[in-house]
């Protein structure tokens, strides 16, 4: 095989590769729905509370896998908006160290964290479609049942509103069908109160890594 043949073959391969990455589907509509499995990991930062011997960052909320259902609407080929939903999640709270020793499981709470982002789709007509996004996270906290042994009940704020960031990629595997990988971060904060008085702030600020499947219609 001579150099000219090799160059022609390489050129044809490059053209085919570019063509495969620019195959917009005429039947793709403005909606996409995805189902993902997300791993949620909390930042677990908190203030110290000296009267109970609780050091900084001792309040821990567990990490876990959770389902993620999202709906995306495309205003144009590059711009879209995504609503991320799940069902209320139960989390366990542990105080890693205090005057009582530790770790001490002090109970649970539930949270519902819908997220809405505005996204920029970098290569909207490619087989591989990366995107970035920013928006807002609204976390609704309920059923908080936190009790420190020999001390009493602790209460949390019931609403946390903060910014959210997102980045990911859709990979077309068939017409209208995509595999998806996604990372998200959200600001999630709550005062921790004892008898109505703030004793700490829990800065949970979750980081989520997800994989799933999407359908465009």
N, C-alpha and C. Protein backbone atom coordinates (compact mmCIF):
# COMPACT_ATOMS: atom_id res chain seq x y z
N UNK A 1 0.85 -1.19 0.00
CA UNK A 1 0.00 0.00 0.00
C UNK A 1 0.89 1.24 0.00
N UNK A 2 0.72 2.16 -1.03
CA UNK A 2 1.58 3.32 -1.11
C UNK A 2 1.04 4.47 -0.26
N UNK A 3 1.86 5.53 -0.16
CA UNK A 3 1.50 6.67 0.68
C UNK A 3 0.22 7.35 0.19
N UNK A 4 0.06 7.40 -1.14
CA UNK A 4 -1.14 8.07 -1.67
C UNK A 4 -2.40 7.34 -1.25
N UNK A 5 -2.38 6.02 -1.32
CA UNK A 5 -3.55 5.23 -0.90
C UNK A 5 -3.85 5.43 0.57
N UNK A 6 -2.79 5.47 1.39
CA UNK A 6 -2.97 5.68 2.83
C UNK A 6 -3.61 7.03 3.09
N UNK A 7 -3.14 8.07 2.36
CA UNK A 7 -3.68 9.41 2.56
C UNK A 7 -5.15 9.47 2.14
N UNK A 8 -5.49 8.82 1.03
CA UNK A 8 -6.88 8.80 0.59
C UNK A 8 -7.75 8.09 1.62
N UNK A 9 -7.26 6.95 2.12
CA UNK A 9 -8.03 6.20 3.12
C UNK A 9 -8.24 7.01 4.37
N UNK A 10 -7.20 7.71 4.82
CA UNK A 10 -7.31 8.53 6.02
C UNK A 10 -8.30 9.66 5.82
N UNK A 11 -8.28 10.26 4.61
CA UNK A 11 -9.21 11.36 4.32
C UNK A 11 -10.65 10.88 4.33
N UNK A 12 -10.89 9.72 3.69
CA UNK A 12 -12.25 9.16 3.68
C UNK A 12 -12.72 8.84 5.09
N UNK A 13 -11.83 8.26 5.91
CA UNK A 13 -12.20 7.94 7.29
C UNK A 13 -12.54 9.20 8.07
N UNK A 14 -11.75 10.27 7.86
CA UNK A 14 -12.02 11.53 8.56
C UNK A 14 -13.36 12.11 8.15
N UNK A 15 -13.66 12.06 6.84
CA UNK A 15 -14.93 12.59 6.35
C UNK A 15 -16.10 11.81 6.94
N UNK A 16 -15.98 10.48 6.96
CA UNK A 16 -17.04 9.65 7.54
C UNK A 16 -17.23 9.94 9.01
N UNK A 17 -16.11 10.15 9.72
CA UNK A 17 -16.19 10.45 11.15
C UNK A 17 -16.92 11.76 11.38
N UNK A 18 -16.55 12.79 10.61
CA UNK A 18 -17.22 14.09 10.75
C UNK A 18 -18.69 13.97 10.41
N UNK A 19 -18.99 13.21 9.37
CA UNK A 19 -20.38 13.04 8.97
C UNK A 19 -21.19 12.36 10.06
N UNK A 20 -20.58 11.37 10.70
CA UNK A 20 -21.29 10.65 11.76
C UNK A 20 -21.55 11.52 12.97
N UNK A 21 -20.74 12.58 13.15
CA UNK A 21 -20.92 13.48 14.28
C UNK A 21 -21.78 14.68 13.94
N UNK A 22 -22.39 14.69 12.81
CA UNK A 22 -23.25 15.81 12.42
C UNK A 22 -24.52 15.31 11.76
N UNK A 23 -25.11 14.28 12.37
CA UNK A 23 -26.28 13.64 11.79
C UNK A 23 -27.53 14.05 12.55
N UNK A 24 -27.96 15.26 12.38
CA UNK A 24 -29.19 15.72 13.01
C UNK A 24 -30.37 14.90 12.50
N UNK A 25 -31.26 14.53 13.39
CA UNK A 25 -32.41 13.73 13.02
C UNK A 25 -33.60 14.64 12.77
N UNK A 26 -34.18 14.55 11.59
CA UNK A 26 -35.29 15.43 11.25
C UNK A 26 -36.50 15.16 12.13
N UNK A 27 -36.61 13.92 12.68
CA UNK A 27 -37.78 13.57 13.47
C UNK A 27 -37.61 13.87 14.95
N UNK A 28 -36.51 14.51 15.33
CA UNK A 28 -36.34 14.87 16.73
C UNK A 28 -37.21 16.07 17.08
N UNK A 29 -38.03 15.91 18.10
CA UNK A 29 -38.89 17.00 18.53
C UNK A 29 -38.23 17.86 19.59
N UNK A 30 -38.98 18.78 20.22
CA UNK A 30 -38.40 19.71 21.20
C UNK A 30 -38.30 19.15 22.61
N UNK A 31 -38.81 17.94 22.86
CA UNK A 31 -38.83 17.38 24.21
C UNK A 31 -37.85 16.21 24.32
N UNK A 32 -37.26 16.11 25.53
CA UNK A 32 -36.48 14.91 25.86
C UNK A 32 -36.79 14.52 27.30
N UNK A 33 -36.98 13.25 27.52
CA UNK A 33 -37.22 12.72 28.86
C UNK A 33 -36.10 11.75 29.19
N UNK A 34 -35.59 11.80 30.41
CA UNK A 34 -34.50 10.92 30.82
C UNK A 34 -34.84 10.25 32.15
N UNK A 35 -34.32 9.04 32.30
CA UNK A 35 -34.36 8.34 33.57
C UNK A 35 -32.93 8.00 33.95
N UNK A 36 -32.50 8.46 35.12
CA UNK A 36 -31.12 8.27 35.55
C UNK A 36 -31.07 7.66 36.94
N UNK A 37 -29.94 7.04 37.24
CA UNK A 37 -29.58 6.66 38.60
C UNK A 37 -28.48 7.61 39.04
N UNK A 38 -28.71 8.34 40.12
CA UNK A 38 -27.75 9.33 40.62
C UNK A 38 -27.16 8.88 41.95
N UNK A 39 -25.85 9.09 42.09
CA UNK A 39 -25.24 8.91 43.41
C UNK A 39 -25.09 10.28 44.04
N UNK A 40 -25.75 10.47 45.18
CA UNK A 40 -25.74 11.73 45.90
C UNK A 40 -24.71 11.67 47.02
N UNK A 41 -23.79 12.63 47.01
CA UNK A 41 -22.78 12.72 48.06
C UNK A 41 -22.83 14.10 48.68
N UNK A 42 -23.03 14.16 50.00
CA UNK A 42 -23.14 15.42 50.72
C UNK A 42 -21.76 15.98 51.06
N UNK A 43 -21.66 17.33 51.10
CA UNK A 43 -20.41 17.98 51.51
C UNK A 43 -20.17 17.82 53.01
N UNK A 44 -21.26 17.80 53.80
CA UNK A 44 -21.17 17.57 55.25
C UNK A 44 -20.25 18.55 55.96
N UNK A 45 -20.53 19.83 55.75
CA UNK A 45 -19.86 20.89 56.49
C UNK A 45 -20.84 21.46 57.51
N UNK A 46 -20.37 21.76 58.71
CA UNK A 46 -21.25 22.30 59.74
C UNK A 46 -20.44 23.08 60.77
N UNK A 47 -21.13 23.94 61.51
CA UNK A 47 -20.49 24.73 62.55
C UNK A 47 -20.32 23.91 63.82
N UNK A 48 -19.29 24.25 64.59
CA UNK A 48 -19.09 23.62 65.90
C UNK A 48 -20.14 24.13 66.89
N UNK A 49 -20.45 23.29 67.89
CA UNK A 49 -21.31 23.70 69.00
C UNK A 49 -20.64 23.28 70.29
N UNK A 50 -19.95 24.24 70.91
CA UNK A 50 -19.08 23.95 72.06
C UNK A 50 -19.84 23.38 73.26
N UNK A 51 -21.05 23.88 73.64
CA UNK A 51 -21.73 23.35 74.82
C UNK A 51 -21.97 21.84 74.80
N UNK A 52 -22.11 21.27 73.60
CA UNK A 52 -22.30 19.82 73.50
C UNK A 52 -21.04 19.11 73.03
N UNK A 53 -19.94 19.84 72.92
CA UNK A 53 -18.69 19.22 72.51
C UNK A 53 -18.70 18.74 71.07
N UNK A 54 -19.49 19.41 70.21
CA UNK A 54 -19.58 19.02 68.79
C UNK A 54 -18.60 19.87 67.99
N UNK A 55 -17.59 19.27 67.38
CA UNK A 55 -16.63 20.06 66.59
C UNK A 55 -17.21 20.45 65.23
N UNK A 56 -16.49 21.27 64.50
CA UNK A 56 -16.90 21.63 63.15
C UNK A 56 -16.94 20.39 62.25
N UNK A 57 -17.89 20.38 61.34
CA UNK A 57 -18.04 19.33 60.32
C UNK A 57 -18.34 17.96 60.92
N UNK A 58 -18.96 17.93 62.10
CA UNK A 58 -19.26 16.65 62.75
C UNK A 58 -20.66 16.14 62.40
N UNK A 59 -21.51 16.99 61.83
CA UNK A 59 -22.85 16.56 61.47
C UNK A 59 -22.81 15.96 60.06
N UNK A 60 -23.10 14.67 59.96
CA UNK A 60 -22.99 13.96 58.68
C UNK A 60 -24.36 13.44 58.24
N UNK A 61 -24.65 13.67 56.96
CA UNK A 61 -25.85 13.12 56.32
C UNK A 61 -25.39 12.09 55.29
N UNK A 62 -26.04 10.93 55.27
CA UNK A 62 -25.54 9.81 54.46
C UNK A 62 -25.60 10.09 52.97
N UNK A 63 -24.69 9.48 52.23
CA UNK A 63 -24.74 9.46 50.78
C UNK A 63 -25.59 8.27 50.33
N UNK A 64 -26.12 8.32 49.10
CA UNK A 64 -26.99 7.25 48.65
C UNK A 64 -27.23 7.34 47.14
N UNK A 65 -27.73 6.22 46.56
CA UNK A 65 -28.23 6.22 45.19
C UNK A 65 -29.70 6.61 45.20
N UNK A 66 -30.12 7.36 44.17
CA UNK A 66 -31.53 7.73 44.07
C UNK A 66 -31.92 7.84 42.59
N UNK A 67 -33.21 7.67 42.28
CA UNK A 67 -33.66 7.80 40.89
C UNK A 67 -33.88 9.26 40.53
N UNK A 68 -33.72 9.56 39.25
CA UNK A 68 -33.82 10.93 38.76
C UNK A 68 -34.61 10.88 37.46
N UNK A 69 -35.75 11.56 37.42
CA UNK A 69 -36.56 11.67 36.21
C UNK A 69 -36.55 13.13 35.79
N UNK A 70 -36.15 13.40 34.55
CA UNK A 70 -36.11 14.80 34.13
C UNK A 70 -36.79 15.00 32.79
N UNK A 71 -37.28 16.22 32.61
CA UNK A 71 -37.97 16.63 31.39
C UNK A 71 -37.24 17.85 30.84
N UNK A 72 -36.88 17.80 29.55
CA UNK A 72 -36.14 18.89 28.93
C UNK A 72 -36.90 19.40 27.72
N UNK A 73 -36.95 20.73 27.60
CA UNK A 73 -37.58 21.36 26.44
C UNK A 73 -36.55 22.21 25.71
N UNK A 74 -36.44 22.03 24.40
CA UNK A 74 -35.47 22.74 23.58
C UNK A 74 -36.13 23.96 22.94
N UNK A 75 -35.69 25.16 23.35
CA UNK A 75 -36.17 26.39 22.74
C UNK A 75 -35.57 26.58 21.34
N UNK A 76 -34.34 26.10 21.19
CA UNK A 76 -33.62 26.15 19.92
C UNK A 76 -32.65 24.98 19.93
N UNK A 77 -31.84 24.85 18.88
CA UNK A 77 -30.91 23.72 18.83
C UNK A 77 -29.90 23.78 19.97
N UNK A 78 -29.51 25.00 20.39
CA UNK A 78 -28.48 25.13 21.42
C UNK A 78 -29.03 25.33 22.83
N UNK A 79 -30.22 25.93 22.95
CA UNK A 79 -30.72 26.32 24.28
C UNK A 79 -31.92 25.48 24.69
N UNK A 80 -31.91 25.06 25.95
CA UNK A 80 -33.01 24.25 26.48
C UNK A 80 -33.13 24.49 27.97
N UNK A 81 -34.19 23.96 28.54
CA UNK A 81 -34.41 24.03 29.99
C UNK A 81 -34.77 22.65 30.50
N UNK A 82 -34.21 22.28 31.64
CA UNK A 82 -34.41 20.93 32.18
C UNK A 82 -34.96 20.99 33.60
N UNK A 83 -36.00 20.23 33.86
CA UNK A 83 -36.58 20.08 35.19
C UNK A 83 -36.23 18.70 35.70
N UNK A 84 -35.52 18.64 36.83
CA UNK A 84 -35.05 17.39 37.42
C UNK A 84 -35.90 17.06 38.64
N UNK A 85 -36.46 15.85 38.67
CA UNK A 85 -37.36 15.45 39.73
C UNK A 85 -36.96 14.11 40.32
N UNK A 86 -37.37 13.89 41.55
CA UNK A 86 -37.31 12.57 42.18
C UNK A 86 -38.42 12.53 43.22
N UNK A 87 -38.55 11.43 43.95
CA UNK A 87 -39.53 11.38 45.03
C UNK A 87 -38.83 11.73 46.35
N UNK A 88 -39.57 12.07 47.42
CA UNK A 88 -38.92 12.47 48.68
C UNK A 88 -37.94 11.40 49.17
N UNK A 89 -36.74 11.86 49.50
CA UNK A 89 -35.66 10.96 49.92
C UNK A 89 -35.47 11.03 51.44
N UNK A 90 -35.30 9.87 52.06
CA UNK A 90 -35.03 9.80 53.50
C UNK A 90 -33.52 9.73 53.73
N UNK A 91 -33.04 10.61 54.60
CA UNK A 91 -31.61 10.67 54.91
C UNK A 91 -31.38 10.45 56.41
N UNK A 92 -30.28 9.81 56.73
CA UNK A 92 -29.89 9.54 58.12
C UNK A 92 -28.85 10.55 58.56
N UNK A 93 -29.00 11.07 59.78
CA UNK A 93 -28.09 12.08 60.32
C UNK A 93 -27.28 11.46 61.46
N UNK A 94 -25.98 11.64 61.41
CA UNK A 94 -25.07 11.12 62.42
C UNK A 94 -24.19 12.25 62.93
N UNK A 95 -24.02 12.33 64.25
CA UNK A 95 -23.05 13.24 64.85
C UNK A 95 -21.79 12.43 65.12
N UNK A 96 -20.73 12.75 64.39
CA UNK A 96 -19.52 11.94 64.45
C UNK A 96 -18.80 12.03 65.78
N UNK A 97 -18.90 13.18 66.46
CA UNK A 97 -18.21 13.35 67.73
C UNK A 97 -18.94 14.40 68.55
N UNK A 98 -19.10 14.13 69.86
CA UNK A 98 -19.74 15.08 70.77
C UNK A 98 -19.37 14.72 72.19
N UNK A 99 -19.95 15.43 73.17
CA UNK A 99 -19.72 15.12 74.57
C UNK A 99 -20.24 13.73 74.93
N UNK A 100 -21.13 13.19 74.10
CA UNK A 100 -21.68 11.85 74.33
C UNK A 100 -20.81 10.77 73.70
N UNK A 101 -19.75 11.17 73.02
CA UNK A 101 -18.92 10.20 72.29
C UNK A 101 -19.25 10.28 70.82
N UNK A 102 -19.33 9.15 70.18
CA UNK A 102 -19.68 9.14 68.77
C UNK A 102 -19.00 8.00 68.03
N UNK A 103 -19.47 7.76 66.82
CA UNK A 103 -20.58 8.42 66.13
C UNK A 103 -21.94 8.07 66.77
N UNK A 104 -22.87 9.03 66.73
CA UNK A 104 -24.19 8.85 67.30
C UNK A 104 -25.25 9.13 66.24
N UNK A 105 -26.08 8.14 65.95
CA UNK A 105 -27.19 8.31 65.01
C UNK A 105 -28.29 9.08 65.74
N UNK A 106 -28.66 10.27 65.22
CA UNK A 106 -29.65 11.08 65.92
C UNK A 106 -30.99 11.12 65.19
N UNK A 107 -31.13 10.39 64.07
CA UNK A 107 -32.43 10.32 63.44
C UNK A 107 -32.40 10.54 61.94
N UNK A 108 -33.55 10.92 61.39
CA UNK A 108 -33.71 11.05 59.94
C UNK A 108 -34.51 12.30 59.58
N UNK A 109 -34.44 12.66 58.31
CA UNK A 109 -35.33 13.67 57.74
C UNK A 109 -35.59 13.29 56.29
N UNK A 110 -36.59 13.91 55.70
CA UNK A 110 -36.89 13.69 54.28
C UNK A 110 -36.71 14.99 53.52
N UNK A 111 -36.28 14.85 52.26
CA UNK A 111 -36.14 16.06 51.44
C UNK A 111 -36.59 15.76 50.02
N UNK A 112 -37.20 16.77 49.40
CA UNK A 112 -37.63 16.71 48.01
C UNK A 112 -36.91 17.84 47.28
N UNK A 113 -35.97 17.52 46.36
CA UNK A 113 -35.09 18.54 45.79
C UNK A 113 -35.28 18.81 44.30
N UNK A 114 -36.44 19.33 43.85
CA UNK A 114 -36.56 19.65 42.42
C UNK A 114 -35.52 20.69 42.00
N UNK A 115 -35.03 20.55 40.77
CA UNK A 115 -34.00 21.44 40.23
C UNK A 115 -34.41 21.87 38.82
N UNK A 116 -34.26 23.16 38.52
CA UNK A 116 -34.56 23.68 37.20
C UNK A 116 -33.32 24.39 36.67
N UNK A 117 -32.87 23.99 35.47
CA UNK A 117 -31.66 24.59 34.90
C UNK A 117 -31.92 25.07 33.47
N UNK A 118 -31.15 26.09 33.09
CA UNK A 118 -31.07 26.54 31.71
C UNK A 118 -29.78 25.98 31.14
N UNK A 119 -29.88 25.29 29.99
CA UNK A 119 -28.74 24.55 29.47
C UNK A 119 -28.30 25.08 28.10
N UNK A 120 -26.98 25.00 27.88
CA UNK A 120 -26.42 25.29 26.56
C UNK A 120 -25.88 23.99 25.99
N UNK A 121 -26.43 23.58 24.86
CA UNK A 121 -26.03 22.34 24.20
C UNK A 121 -24.95 22.65 23.17
N UNK A 122 -23.75 22.15 23.40
CA UNK A 122 -22.57 22.59 22.66
C UNK A 122 -22.57 22.06 21.23
N UNK A 123 -22.90 20.79 21.04
CA UNK A 123 -22.92 20.17 19.70
C UNK A 123 -24.28 19.52 19.50
N UNK A 124 -25.33 20.31 19.26
CA UNK A 124 -26.70 19.77 19.29
C UNK A 124 -27.04 18.81 18.17
N UNK A 125 -26.25 18.76 17.09
CA UNK A 125 -26.56 17.88 15.98
C UNK A 125 -25.59 16.72 15.85
N UNK A 126 -24.78 16.49 16.88
CA UNK A 126 -23.78 15.43 16.84
C UNK A 126 -24.31 14.14 17.46
N UNK A 127 -23.60 13.08 17.23
CA UNK A 127 -23.89 11.82 17.92
C UNK A 127 -23.58 11.97 19.40
N UNK A 128 -22.47 12.63 19.71
CA UNK A 128 -22.09 12.91 21.09
C UNK A 128 -22.38 14.38 21.36
N UNK A 129 -23.26 14.67 22.36
CA UNK A 129 -23.79 16.02 22.57
C UNK A 129 -23.52 16.50 24.00
N UNK A 130 -22.41 17.17 24.23
CA UNK A 130 -22.14 17.70 25.56
C UNK A 130 -22.98 18.94 25.86
N UNK A 131 -23.18 19.21 27.14
CA UNK A 131 -23.95 20.38 27.55
C UNK A 131 -23.49 20.87 28.92
N UNK A 132 -23.79 22.14 29.20
CA UNK A 132 -23.57 22.73 30.52
C UNK A 132 -24.84 23.47 30.90
N UNK A 133 -25.05 23.64 32.20
CA UNK A 133 -26.26 24.31 32.63
C UNK A 133 -26.11 24.96 33.99
N UNK A 134 -27.01 25.89 34.28
CA UNK A 134 -27.05 26.55 35.59
C UNK A 134 -28.50 26.90 35.89
N UNK A 135 -28.83 26.89 37.18
CA UNK A 135 -30.21 27.19 37.53
C UNK A 135 -30.40 27.28 39.03
N UNK A 136 -31.55 26.76 39.48
CA UNK A 136 -31.92 26.89 40.89
C UNK A 136 -32.37 25.54 41.43
N UNK A 137 -32.03 25.30 42.68
CA UNK A 137 -32.47 24.11 43.42
C UNK A 137 -33.36 24.56 44.58
N UNK A 138 -34.53 23.97 44.69
CA UNK A 138 -35.43 24.24 45.81
C UNK A 138 -35.63 22.94 46.57
N UNK A 139 -35.09 22.85 47.78
CA UNK A 139 -35.20 21.63 48.57
C UNK A 139 -36.23 21.83 49.67
N UNK A 140 -37.21 20.94 49.69
CA UNK A 140 -38.26 20.96 50.71
C UNK A 140 -37.95 19.88 51.74
N UNK A 141 -37.74 20.28 52.99
CA UNK A 141 -37.38 19.36 54.06
C UNK A 141 -38.60 19.09 54.93
N UNK A 142 -38.84 17.82 55.22
CA UNK A 142 -40.00 17.44 56.02
C UNK A 142 -39.65 16.24 56.90
N UNK A 143 -40.58 15.90 57.78
CA UNK A 143 -40.47 14.70 58.63
C UNK A 143 -39.12 14.64 59.34
N UNK A 144 -38.61 15.81 59.77
CA UNK A 144 -37.35 15.78 60.49
C UNK A 144 -37.60 15.24 61.90
N UNK A 145 -36.92 14.16 62.20
CA UNK A 145 -37.06 13.46 63.48
C UNK A 145 -35.67 13.25 64.05
N UNK A 146 -35.11 14.33 64.61
CA UNK A 146 -33.73 14.32 65.10
C UNK A 146 -33.73 14.55 66.60
N UNK A 147 -33.17 13.59 67.33
CA UNK A 147 -33.15 13.67 68.79
C UNK A 147 -31.76 13.33 69.28
N UNK A 148 -31.16 14.25 70.06
CA UNK A 148 -29.87 13.98 70.71
C UNK A 148 -30.15 13.34 72.06
N UNK A 149 -29.64 12.13 72.32
CA UNK A 149 -29.90 11.45 73.59
C UNK A 149 -29.53 12.33 74.79
N UNK A 150 -30.42 12.35 75.77
CA UNK A 150 -30.28 13.12 77.04
C UNK A 150 -30.33 14.63 76.83
N UNK A 151 -30.44 15.09 75.60
CA UNK A 151 -30.49 16.54 75.34
C UNK A 151 -31.86 16.96 74.85
N UNK A 152 -32.33 16.37 73.75
CA UNK A 152 -33.64 16.71 73.23
C UNK A 152 -33.68 16.77 71.72
N UNK A 153 -34.79 17.31 71.22
CA UNK A 153 -35.08 17.32 69.79
C UNK A 153 -34.37 18.48 69.10
N UNK A 154 -33.92 18.22 67.88
CA UNK A 154 -33.37 19.25 67.02
C UNK A 154 -34.32 19.46 65.83
N UNK A 155 -34.36 20.70 65.34
CA UNK A 155 -35.22 21.02 64.20
C UNK A 155 -34.41 21.60 63.06
N UNK A 156 -34.90 21.39 61.82
CA UNK A 156 -34.26 21.91 60.62
C UNK A 156 -35.18 22.92 59.93
N UNK A 157 -34.59 23.80 59.10
CA UNK A 157 -35.40 24.63 58.22
C UNK A 157 -36.15 23.74 57.23
N UNK A 158 -37.30 24.20 56.80
CA UNK A 158 -38.12 23.37 55.92
C UNK A 158 -37.94 23.69 54.44
N UNK A 159 -37.25 24.78 54.12
CA UNK A 159 -37.02 25.15 52.72
C UNK A 159 -35.59 25.65 52.57
N UNK A 160 -34.92 25.19 51.51
CA UNK A 160 -33.60 25.70 51.14
C UNK A 160 -33.62 26.03 49.65
N UNK A 161 -33.25 27.26 49.31
CA UNK A 161 -33.21 27.70 47.92
C UNK A 161 -31.78 28.14 47.60
N UNK A 162 -31.23 27.65 46.49
CA UNK A 162 -29.87 28.01 46.15
C UNK A 162 -29.55 27.71 44.71
N UNK A 163 -28.40 28.15 44.24
CA UNK A 163 -28.00 27.91 42.85
C UNK A 163 -27.67 26.45 42.60
N UNK A 164 -27.72 26.06 41.33
CA UNK A 164 -27.38 24.71 40.91
C UNK A 164 -26.57 24.78 39.62
N UNK A 165 -25.62 23.85 39.46
CA UNK A 165 -24.80 23.76 38.27
C UNK A 165 -24.89 22.35 37.70
N UNK A 166 -24.68 22.23 36.39
CA UNK A 166 -24.87 20.94 35.73
C UNK A 166 -23.95 20.84 34.52
N UNK A 167 -23.46 19.64 34.24
CA UNK A 167 -22.72 19.37 33.02
C UNK A 167 -22.91 17.90 32.68
N UNK A 168 -22.90 17.59 31.38
CA UNK A 168 -23.09 16.20 31.02
C UNK A 168 -22.99 15.99 29.52
N UNK A 169 -23.40 14.81 29.10
CA UNK A 169 -23.33 14.47 27.68
C UNK A 169 -24.42 13.46 27.34
N UNK A 170 -25.08 13.67 26.19
CA UNK A 170 -25.97 12.69 25.58
C UNK A 170 -25.23 12.02 24.43
N UNK A 171 -25.36 10.72 24.33
CA UNK A 171 -24.70 9.95 23.27
C UNK A 171 -25.79 9.17 22.52
N UNK A 172 -26.02 9.54 21.26
CA UNK A 172 -27.06 8.89 20.48
C UNK A 172 -26.70 7.44 20.18
N UNK A 173 -27.58 6.52 20.56
CA UNK A 173 -27.34 5.09 20.32
C UNK A 173 -28.32 4.54 19.28
N UNK A 174 -29.38 5.29 18.99
CA UNK A 174 -30.37 4.94 17.98
C UNK A 174 -31.18 6.20 17.72
N UNK A 175 -31.91 6.28 16.61
CA UNK A 175 -32.73 7.47 16.38
C UNK A 175 -33.63 7.76 17.58
N UNK A 176 -33.46 8.96 18.15
CA UNK A 176 -34.24 9.48 19.28
C UNK A 176 -33.83 8.92 20.64
N UNK A 177 -32.93 7.94 20.68
CA UNK A 177 -32.52 7.33 21.95
C UNK A 177 -31.08 7.70 22.28
N UNK A 178 -30.85 7.97 23.57
CA UNK A 178 -29.53 8.43 24.01
C UNK A 178 -29.14 7.74 25.32
N UNK A 179 -27.83 7.47 25.45
CA UNK A 179 -27.27 7.23 26.77
C UNK A 179 -26.85 8.58 27.34
N UNK A 180 -26.92 8.72 28.66
CA UNK A 180 -26.63 10.00 29.28
C UNK A 180 -25.72 9.82 30.49
N UNK A 181 -24.76 10.72 30.62
CA UNK A 181 -23.94 10.83 31.83
C UNK A 181 -24.01 12.29 32.28
N UNK A 182 -24.13 12.51 33.59
CA UNK A 182 -24.46 13.85 34.07
C UNK A 182 -23.88 14.06 35.47
N UNK A 183 -23.42 15.28 35.73
CA UNK A 183 -23.00 15.66 37.07
C UNK A 183 -23.74 16.95 37.45
N UNK A 184 -24.15 17.03 38.70
CA UNK A 184 -24.86 18.21 39.20
C UNK A 184 -24.32 18.59 40.58
N UNK A 185 -24.40 19.88 40.88
CA UNK A 185 -24.08 20.39 42.21
C UNK A 185 -25.15 21.39 42.60
N UNK A 186 -25.54 21.38 43.87
CA UNK A 186 -26.55 22.32 44.34
C UNK A 186 -26.18 22.84 45.72
N UNK A 187 -26.53 24.08 45.98
CA UNK A 187 -26.35 24.64 47.32
C UNK A 187 -27.54 24.23 48.17
N UNK A 188 -27.27 23.55 49.29
CA UNK A 188 -28.31 23.10 50.21
C UNK A 188 -27.84 23.38 51.63
N UNK A 189 -28.53 24.29 52.31
CA UNK A 189 -28.15 24.71 53.66
C UNK A 189 -29.37 24.65 54.57
N UNK A 190 -29.13 24.37 55.85
CA UNK A 190 -30.21 24.40 56.84
C UNK A 190 -29.66 24.75 58.20
N UNK A 191 -30.34 25.66 58.92
CA UNK A 191 -30.01 25.89 60.32
C UNK A 191 -30.44 24.68 61.14
N UNK A 192 -29.65 24.34 62.12
CA UNK A 192 -29.98 23.29 63.08
C UNK A 192 -30.35 23.99 64.38
N UNK A 193 -31.57 23.75 64.87
CA UNK A 193 -32.08 24.51 66.01
C UNK A 193 -32.42 23.59 67.18
N UNK A 194 -32.17 24.11 68.38
CA UNK A 194 -32.55 23.43 69.62
C UNK A 194 -33.42 24.39 70.41
N UNK A 195 -34.69 23.98 70.63
CA UNK A 195 -35.66 24.81 71.33
C UNK A 195 -35.76 26.20 70.69
N UNK A 196 -35.74 26.23 69.38
CA UNK A 196 -35.91 27.46 68.63
C UNK A 196 -34.66 28.29 68.45
N UNK A 197 -33.55 27.88 69.03
CA UNK A 197 -32.29 28.64 68.93
C UNK A 197 -31.32 27.91 68.01
N UNK A 198 -30.75 28.65 67.07
CA UNK A 198 -29.78 28.06 66.14
C UNK A 198 -28.52 27.65 66.88
N UNK A 199 -28.11 26.39 66.70
CA UNK A 199 -26.86 25.92 67.31
C UNK A 199 -25.81 25.57 66.27
N UNK A 200 -26.22 25.43 65.00
CA UNK A 200 -25.28 25.13 63.94
C UNK A 200 -25.94 25.38 62.59
N UNK A 201 -25.15 25.41 61.55
CA UNK A 201 -25.66 25.42 60.19
C UNK A 201 -25.09 24.21 59.46
N UNK A 202 -25.97 23.40 58.89
CA UNK A 202 -25.53 22.25 58.09
C UNK A 202 -25.42 22.70 56.64
N UNK A 203 -24.21 22.61 56.09
CA UNK A 203 -23.96 22.99 54.69
C UNK A 203 -23.75 21.69 53.91
N UNK A 204 -24.83 21.18 53.37
CA UNK A 204 -24.81 19.85 52.76
C UNK A 204 -24.34 19.89 51.31
N UNK A 205 -24.74 20.89 50.54
CA UNK A 205 -24.26 21.17 49.18
C UNK A 205 -23.96 19.89 48.40
N UNK A 206 -25.01 19.13 48.03
CA UNK A 206 -24.79 17.81 47.42
C UNK A 206 -24.17 17.87 46.03
N UNK A 207 -23.40 16.84 45.73
CA UNK A 207 -22.81 16.60 44.42
C UNK A 207 -23.40 15.30 43.91
N UNK A 208 -23.96 15.31 42.70
CA UNK A 208 -24.63 14.14 42.15
C UNK A 208 -23.97 13.72 40.85
N UNK A 209 -23.70 12.43 40.72
CA UNK A 209 -23.16 11.85 39.50
C UNK A 209 -24.18 10.82 39.00
N UNK A 210 -24.64 10.97 37.76
CA UNK A 210 -25.70 10.10 37.27
C UNK A 210 -25.43 9.51 35.90
N UNK A 211 -26.05 8.35 35.65
CA UNK A 211 -26.03 7.71 34.34
C UNK A 211 -27.44 7.23 34.04
N UNK A 212 -27.81 7.27 32.76
CA UNK A 212 -29.15 6.83 32.44
C UNK A 212 -29.41 6.81 30.94
N UNK A 213 -30.69 6.87 30.59
CA UNK A 213 -31.12 6.78 29.20
C UNK A 213 -32.12 7.89 28.94
N UNK A 214 -32.11 8.44 27.69
CA UNK A 214 -33.02 9.49 27.32
C UNK A 214 -33.72 9.21 26.01
N UNK A 215 -34.89 9.83 25.83
CA UNK A 215 -35.68 9.67 24.59
C UNK A 215 -36.12 11.05 24.13
N UNK A 216 -35.82 11.41 22.89
CA UNK A 216 -36.16 12.71 22.30
C UNK A 216 -37.39 12.56 21.43
N UNK A 217 -38.36 13.46 21.61
CA UNK A 217 -39.59 13.37 20.81
C UNK A 217 -40.18 14.75 20.58
